[in-house]
N, C-alpha and C. Protein backbone atom coordinates (compact mmCIF):
# COMPACT_ATOMS: atom_id res chain seq x y z
N UNK A 1 13.99 -6.19 3.93
CA UNK A 1 12.69 -6.37 4.41
C UNK A 1 12.92 -6.40 5.98
N UNK A 2 12.03 -5.64 6.70
CA UNK A 2 12.16 -5.62 8.14
C UNK A 2 11.63 -6.92 8.70
N UNK A 3 12.09 -7.32 9.94
CA UNK A 3 11.60 -8.51 10.60
C UNK A 3 10.04 -8.58 10.67
N UNK A 4 9.44 -7.45 11.00
CA UNK A 4 7.99 -7.40 11.18
C UNK A 4 7.29 -7.63 9.91
N UNK A 5 7.84 -7.08 8.75
CA UNK A 5 7.17 -7.26 7.44
C UNK A 5 7.42 -8.69 7.06
N UNK A 6 8.56 -9.23 7.23
CA UNK A 6 8.83 -10.60 6.85
C UNK A 6 7.93 -11.61 7.65
N UNK A 7 7.79 -11.38 8.92
CA UNK A 7 6.87 -12.24 9.66
C UNK A 7 5.41 -12.08 9.23
N UNK A 8 5.01 -10.95 8.84
CA UNK A 8 3.60 -10.76 8.42
C UNK A 8 3.42 -11.54 7.05
N UNK A 9 4.29 -11.40 6.13
CA UNK A 9 4.26 -12.07 4.88
C UNK A 9 4.40 -13.57 4.97
N UNK A 10 5.33 -13.99 5.85
CA UNK A 10 5.61 -15.47 6.05
C UNK A 10 4.36 -16.16 6.58
N UNK A 11 3.45 -15.35 7.33
CA UNK A 11 2.33 -16.06 7.96
C UNK A 11 1.15 -16.28 6.97
N UNK A 12 1.29 -15.78 5.85
CA UNK A 12 0.15 -15.80 4.86
C UNK A 12 0.22 -17.05 4.04
N UNK A 13 -1.03 -17.48 3.57
CA UNK A 13 -1.08 -18.61 2.64
C UNK A 13 -0.27 -18.21 1.31
N UNK A 14 0.29 -19.22 0.68
CA UNK A 14 1.21 -18.95 -0.46
C UNK A 14 0.67 -17.95 -1.53
N UNK A 15 -0.64 -18.13 -1.90
CA UNK A 15 -1.19 -17.25 -2.94
C UNK A 15 -1.23 -15.81 -2.42
N UNK A 16 -1.63 -15.55 -1.21
CA UNK A 16 -1.73 -14.18 -0.69
C UNK A 16 -0.24 -13.60 -0.53
N UNK A 17 0.62 -14.43 -0.02
CA UNK A 17 2.02 -13.99 0.19
C UNK A 17 2.68 -13.56 -1.19
N UNK A 18 2.42 -14.39 -2.24
CA UNK A 18 3.00 -14.14 -3.51
C UNK A 18 2.43 -12.80 -4.10
N UNK A 19 1.12 -12.64 -3.93
CA UNK A 19 0.53 -11.32 -4.44
C UNK A 19 1.04 -10.10 -3.69
N UNK A 20 1.16 -10.27 -2.33
CA UNK A 20 1.61 -9.09 -1.64
C UNK A 20 3.16 -8.92 -1.80
N UNK A 21 3.82 -9.98 -2.00
CA UNK A 21 5.29 -9.77 -2.25
C UNK A 21 5.45 -8.99 -3.65
N UNK A 22 4.69 -9.29 -4.57
CA UNK A 22 4.79 -8.56 -5.89
C UNK A 22 4.38 -7.06 -5.69
N UNK A 23 3.33 -6.88 -4.94
CA UNK A 23 2.89 -5.44 -4.64
C UNK A 23 4.09 -4.78 -3.87
N UNK A 24 4.58 -5.39 -2.82
CA UNK A 24 5.63 -4.84 -2.04
C UNK A 24 6.81 -4.36 -2.94
N UNK A 25 7.18 -5.28 -3.90
CA UNK A 25 8.28 -5.02 -4.79
C UNK A 25 7.96 -3.72 -5.60
N UNK A 26 6.74 -3.61 -6.10
CA UNK A 26 6.45 -2.33 -6.77
C UNK A 26 6.47 -1.11 -5.95
N UNK A 27 5.94 -1.28 -4.69
CA UNK A 27 5.99 -0.12 -3.85
C UNK A 27 7.41 0.31 -3.50
N UNK A 28 8.27 -0.70 -3.28
CA UNK A 28 9.68 -0.36 -3.00
C UNK A 28 10.34 0.37 -4.16
N UNK A 29 9.98 -0.03 -5.46
CA UNK A 29 10.47 0.65 -6.61
C UNK A 29 10.00 2.10 -6.67
N UNK A 30 8.70 2.31 -6.25
CA UNK A 30 8.15 3.61 -6.33
C UNK A 30 8.58 4.54 -5.15
N UNK A 31 9.00 3.86 -4.08
CA UNK A 31 9.29 4.60 -2.79
C UNK A 31 10.73 4.16 -2.31
N UNK A 32 11.74 4.27 -3.12
CA UNK A 32 13.02 3.72 -2.77
C UNK A 32 13.70 4.24 -1.50
N UNK A 33 13.38 5.42 -1.12
CA UNK A 33 14.04 6.06 0.02
C UNK A 33 13.11 6.19 1.20
N UNK A 34 12.01 5.44 1.14
CA UNK A 34 10.95 5.43 2.20
C UNK A 34 11.22 4.24 3.14
N UNK A 35 11.16 4.44 4.44
CA UNK A 35 11.39 3.32 5.42
C UNK A 35 10.11 2.37 5.35
N UNK A 36 10.46 1.16 5.43
CA UNK A 36 9.37 0.10 5.47
C UNK A 36 9.08 -0.15 6.97
N UNK A 37 7.84 -0.17 7.23
CA UNK A 37 7.38 -0.28 8.66
C UNK A 37 6.08 -1.14 8.70
N UNK A 38 5.71 -1.48 9.98
CA UNK A 38 4.44 -1.96 10.30
C UNK A 38 3.67 -0.88 10.97
N UNK A 39 2.54 -0.51 10.43
CA UNK A 39 1.70 0.53 11.02
C UNK A 39 0.27 0.15 10.81
N UNK A 40 -0.55 0.39 11.90
CA UNK A 40 -1.92 -0.08 11.83
C UNK A 40 -2.04 -1.52 11.53
N UNK A 41 -1.13 -2.34 12.08
CA UNK A 41 -1.07 -3.76 11.95
C UNK A 41 -0.79 -4.20 10.55
N UNK A 42 -0.28 -3.43 9.59
CA UNK A 42 -0.05 -3.80 8.27
C UNK A 42 1.30 -3.29 7.87
N UNK A 43 1.97 -3.93 6.92
CA UNK A 43 3.14 -3.50 6.25
C UNK A 43 2.89 -2.22 5.44
N UNK A 44 3.89 -1.35 5.41
CA UNK A 44 3.80 -0.13 4.53
C UNK A 44 4.99 0.64 4.55
N UNK A 45 4.92 1.78 3.93
CA UNK A 45 6.05 2.68 3.75
C UNK A 45 5.71 4.03 4.29
N UNK A 46 6.66 4.58 4.98
CA UNK A 46 6.55 5.93 5.61
C UNK A 46 7.38 6.91 4.90
N UNK A 47 7.04 8.12 4.84
CA UNK A 47 7.87 9.20 4.25
C UNK A 47 9.19 9.34 5.03
N UNK A 48 10.27 9.60 4.35
CA UNK A 48 11.55 9.78 5.08
C UNK A 48 11.46 10.87 6.15
N UNK A 49 12.32 10.72 7.11
CA UNK A 49 12.42 11.77 8.10
C UNK A 49 11.93 11.25 9.44
N UNK A 50 12.24 11.96 10.53
CA UNK A 50 11.83 11.49 11.86
C UNK A 50 10.25 11.59 12.16
N UNK A 51 9.62 12.40 11.43
CA UNK A 51 8.13 12.47 11.60
C UNK A 51 7.44 12.23 10.25
N UNK A 52 8.07 11.23 9.54
CA UNK A 52 7.44 10.99 8.17
C UNK A 52 6.08 10.31 8.31
N UNK A 53 5.23 10.90 7.54
CA UNK A 53 3.85 10.42 7.47
C UNK A 53 3.79 9.11 6.75
N UNK A 54 2.76 8.20 7.09
CA UNK A 54 2.55 6.98 6.43
C UNK A 54 2.14 7.39 4.86
N UNK A 55 2.68 6.79 3.96
CA UNK A 55 2.35 6.96 2.64
C UNK A 55 1.34 5.82 2.12
N UNK A 56 1.70 4.64 2.44
CA UNK A 56 0.82 3.52 2.00
C UNK A 56 0.99 2.33 2.80
N UNK A 57 -0.07 1.57 2.96
CA UNK A 57 0.01 0.24 3.55
C UNK A 57 -0.64 -0.81 2.75
N UNK A 58 -0.45 -2.05 3.05
CA UNK A 58 -1.08 -3.09 2.29
C UNK A 58 -1.32 -4.24 3.22
N UNK A 59 -2.37 -4.97 2.94
CA UNK A 59 -2.76 -6.09 3.92
C UNK A 59 -3.55 -7.18 3.20
N UNK A 60 -3.53 -8.28 3.95
CA UNK A 60 -4.32 -9.45 3.56
C UNK A 60 -5.45 -9.70 4.54
N UNK A 61 -6.59 -10.09 3.99
CA UNK A 61 -7.79 -10.35 4.81
C UNK A 61 -8.29 -11.74 4.37
N UNK A 62 -9.35 -12.11 5.09
CA UNK A 62 -9.89 -13.45 4.74
C UNK A 62 -10.40 -13.61 3.30
N UNK A 63 -11.00 -12.50 2.77
CA UNK A 63 -11.56 -12.62 1.40
C UNK A 63 -10.97 -11.65 0.40
N UNK A 64 -9.93 -10.85 0.74
CA UNK A 64 -9.37 -9.94 -0.23
C UNK A 64 -8.02 -9.42 0.31
N UNK A 65 -7.32 -8.79 -0.57
CA UNK A 65 -6.15 -7.99 -0.25
C UNK A 65 -6.50 -6.56 -0.45
N UNK A 66 -5.70 -5.61 0.15
CA UNK A 66 -5.96 -4.29 0.08
C UNK A 66 -4.69 -3.40 0.03
N UNK A 67 -4.82 -2.32 -0.57
CA UNK A 67 -3.83 -1.22 -0.71
C UNK A 67 -4.48 0.05 -0.14
N UNK A 68 -3.75 0.59 0.95
CA UNK A 68 -4.35 1.59 1.73
C UNK A 68 -3.37 2.90 1.73
N UNK A 69 -3.73 3.94 1.06
CA UNK A 69 -2.85 5.21 1.02
C UNK A 69 -2.99 6.09 2.32
N UNK A 70 -3.47 5.53 3.37
CA UNK A 70 -3.54 6.27 4.64
C UNK A 70 -4.16 7.67 4.59
N UNK A 71 -5.25 7.70 3.79
CA UNK A 71 -5.94 8.98 3.57
C UNK A 71 -7.37 8.59 3.06
N UNK A 72 -8.29 9.34 3.54
CA UNK A 72 -9.64 9.13 3.16
C UNK A 72 -10.00 9.89 1.91
N UNK A 73 -9.09 10.67 1.42
CA UNK A 73 -9.40 11.50 0.16
C UNK A 73 -8.73 11.12 -1.18
N UNK A 74 -7.87 10.16 -1.05
CA UNK A 74 -7.14 9.69 -2.31
C UNK A 74 -7.99 8.73 -3.19
N UNK A 75 -8.49 7.62 -2.53
CA UNK A 75 -9.22 6.62 -3.39
C UNK A 75 -10.48 7.16 -4.02
N UNK A 76 -11.28 7.97 -3.25
CA UNK A 76 -12.54 8.52 -3.88
C UNK A 76 -12.24 9.33 -5.19
N UNK A 77 -11.05 9.79 -5.29
CA UNK A 77 -10.72 10.72 -6.42
C UNK A 77 -9.94 10.11 -7.54
N UNK A 78 -9.79 8.67 -7.54
CA UNK A 78 -9.10 8.00 -8.51
C UNK A 78 -10.04 6.98 -9.06
N UNK A 79 -10.07 6.78 -10.35
CA UNK A 79 -10.85 5.69 -11.00
C UNK A 79 -10.17 4.33 -10.83
N UNK A 80 -10.71 3.59 -9.93
CA UNK A 80 -10.11 2.29 -9.59
C UNK A 80 -10.89 1.12 -10.29
N UNK A 81 -11.70 1.45 -11.21
CA UNK A 81 -12.46 0.41 -11.96
C UNK A 81 -11.54 -0.63 -12.51
N UNK A 82 -11.81 -1.87 -12.37
CA UNK A 82 -13.00 -2.59 -11.92
C UNK A 82 -12.88 -3.11 -10.45
N UNK A 83 -11.97 -2.57 -9.74
CA UNK A 83 -11.79 -3.01 -8.35
C UNK A 83 -12.76 -2.39 -7.37
N UNK A 84 -13.05 -3.11 -6.38
CA UNK A 84 -13.89 -2.64 -5.23
C UNK A 84 -13.05 -1.67 -4.40
N UNK A 85 -13.65 -0.62 -4.00
CA UNK A 85 -12.98 0.38 -3.15
C UNK A 85 -13.76 0.71 -1.96
N UNK A 86 -13.07 1.19 -0.93
CA UNK A 86 -13.61 1.83 0.22
C UNK A 86 -13.09 3.21 0.26
N UNK A 87 -13.55 3.98 1.25
CA UNK A 87 -13.04 5.40 1.29
C UNK A 87 -11.52 5.39 1.48
N UNK A 88 -11.01 4.36 2.09
CA UNK A 88 -9.58 4.46 2.41
C UNK A 88 -8.64 3.45 1.63
N UNK A 89 -9.25 2.58 0.72
CA UNK A 89 -8.45 1.63 0.12
C UNK A 89 -9.08 1.11 -1.11
N UNK A 90 -8.22 0.30 -1.91
CA UNK A 90 -8.74 -0.44 -2.99
C UNK A 90 -8.42 -1.89 -2.76
N UNK A 91 -9.49 -2.77 -3.05
CA UNK A 91 -9.48 -4.11 -2.69
C UNK A 91 -9.26 -4.96 -3.93
N UNK A 92 -8.43 -6.08 -3.78
CA UNK A 92 -8.19 -6.87 -4.98
C UNK A 92 -7.92 -8.33 -4.48
N UNK A 93 -7.89 -9.29 -5.47
CA UNK A 93 -7.69 -10.69 -5.18
C UNK A 93 -6.38 -10.98 -5.77
N UNK A 94 -5.78 -12.15 -5.25
CA UNK A 94 -4.41 -12.47 -5.74
C UNK A 94 -4.48 -12.87 -7.21
N UNK A 95 -5.57 -13.36 -7.65
CA UNK A 95 -5.76 -13.79 -9.09
C UNK A 95 -5.97 -12.54 -10.01
N UNK A 96 -6.23 -11.42 -9.36
CA UNK A 96 -6.44 -10.11 -10.16
C UNK A 96 -5.75 -9.00 -9.45
N UNK A 97 -4.39 -8.88 -9.61
CA UNK A 97 -3.66 -7.91 -8.89
C UNK A 97 -3.79 -6.54 -9.46
N UNK A 98 -3.56 -5.51 -8.63
CA UNK A 98 -3.58 -4.05 -9.09
C UNK A 98 -2.69 -3.83 -10.22
N UNK A 99 -3.05 -3.12 -11.24
CA UNK A 99 -2.11 -2.82 -12.27
C UNK A 99 -1.10 -1.79 -11.81
N UNK A 100 0.12 -1.84 -12.18
CA UNK A 100 1.23 -0.95 -11.75
C UNK A 100 0.84 0.46 -12.01
N UNK A 101 0.12 0.79 -13.12
CA UNK A 101 -0.18 2.22 -13.32
C UNK A 101 -1.22 2.69 -12.30
N UNK A 102 -2.14 1.90 -11.86
CA UNK A 102 -3.03 2.32 -10.83
C UNK A 102 -2.35 2.48 -9.45
N UNK A 103 -1.41 1.54 -9.09
CA UNK A 103 -0.65 1.72 -7.86
C UNK A 103 0.16 2.99 -7.99
N UNK A 104 0.83 3.32 -9.12
CA UNK A 104 1.62 4.40 -9.23
C UNK A 104 0.79 5.69 -9.11
N UNK A 105 -0.43 5.76 -9.69
CA UNK A 105 -1.32 6.87 -9.53
C UNK A 105 -1.65 7.10 -8.07
N UNK A 106 -1.97 6.05 -7.33
CA UNK A 106 -2.42 6.21 -5.93
C UNK A 106 -1.20 6.68 -5.15
N UNK A 107 -0.03 6.21 -5.24
CA UNK A 107 1.13 6.63 -4.58
C UNK A 107 1.52 8.02 -4.88
N UNK A 108 1.46 8.39 -6.10
CA UNK A 108 1.78 9.81 -6.46
C UNK A 108 0.84 10.78 -5.85
N UNK A 109 -0.43 10.36 -5.89
CA UNK A 109 -1.47 11.28 -5.19
C UNK A 109 -1.25 11.47 -3.75
N UNK A 110 -0.87 10.33 -3.14
CA UNK A 110 -0.61 10.36 -1.67
C UNK A 110 0.61 11.19 -1.43
N UNK A 111 1.64 11.03 -2.14
CA UNK A 111 2.89 11.81 -1.98
C UNK A 111 2.63 13.30 -2.12
N UNK A 112 1.84 13.70 -3.05
CA UNK A 112 1.47 15.09 -3.25
C UNK A 112 0.65 15.58 -2.08
N UNK A 113 -0.26 14.80 -1.60
CA UNK A 113 -1.00 15.21 -0.40
C UNK A 113 -0.18 15.35 0.84
N UNK A 114 0.78 14.52 1.05
CA UNK A 114 1.69 14.67 2.19
C UNK A 114 2.58 15.87 1.93
N UNK A 115 3.09 16.05 0.82
CA UNK A 115 3.86 17.30 0.54
C UNK A 115 3.12 18.60 0.81
N UNK A 116 1.88 18.61 0.51
CA UNK A 116 1.07 19.81 0.69
C UNK A 116 0.81 19.99 2.18
N UNK A 117 0.72 18.97 2.96
CA UNK A 117 0.54 19.09 4.39
C UNK A 117 1.74 19.65 5.04
N UNK A 118 2.92 19.28 4.58
CA UNK A 118 4.15 19.79 5.14
C UNK A 118 4.40 21.30 4.92
N UNK A 119 3.77 21.83 3.94
CA UNK A 119 4.03 23.23 3.60
C UNK A 119 3.50 24.15 4.63
């Protein structure tokens, strides 16, 4: 865990920190070779390489947590029911975390989008 990510998570209340710690562990498992960074003031993972694009970020807010695939075209094309969504992310509560299958679907869609951009 990078110092910036550690500081971000350590500053959160225990319930938010625990929920994002679990999400982070899942993201690490899905993106094992991706550098962990702080981007747009949130922890996340960047594609490998010197100009690697952001794959995903996650954040805590006053009333929810969010997963953000750094693309406006991913979330609108995935069924995130029953979670509230925005164009750029899916929102959730610590008591109702995102299912691993949904996170995997979001990550794989973003990876495919980034791969297509590189071509």
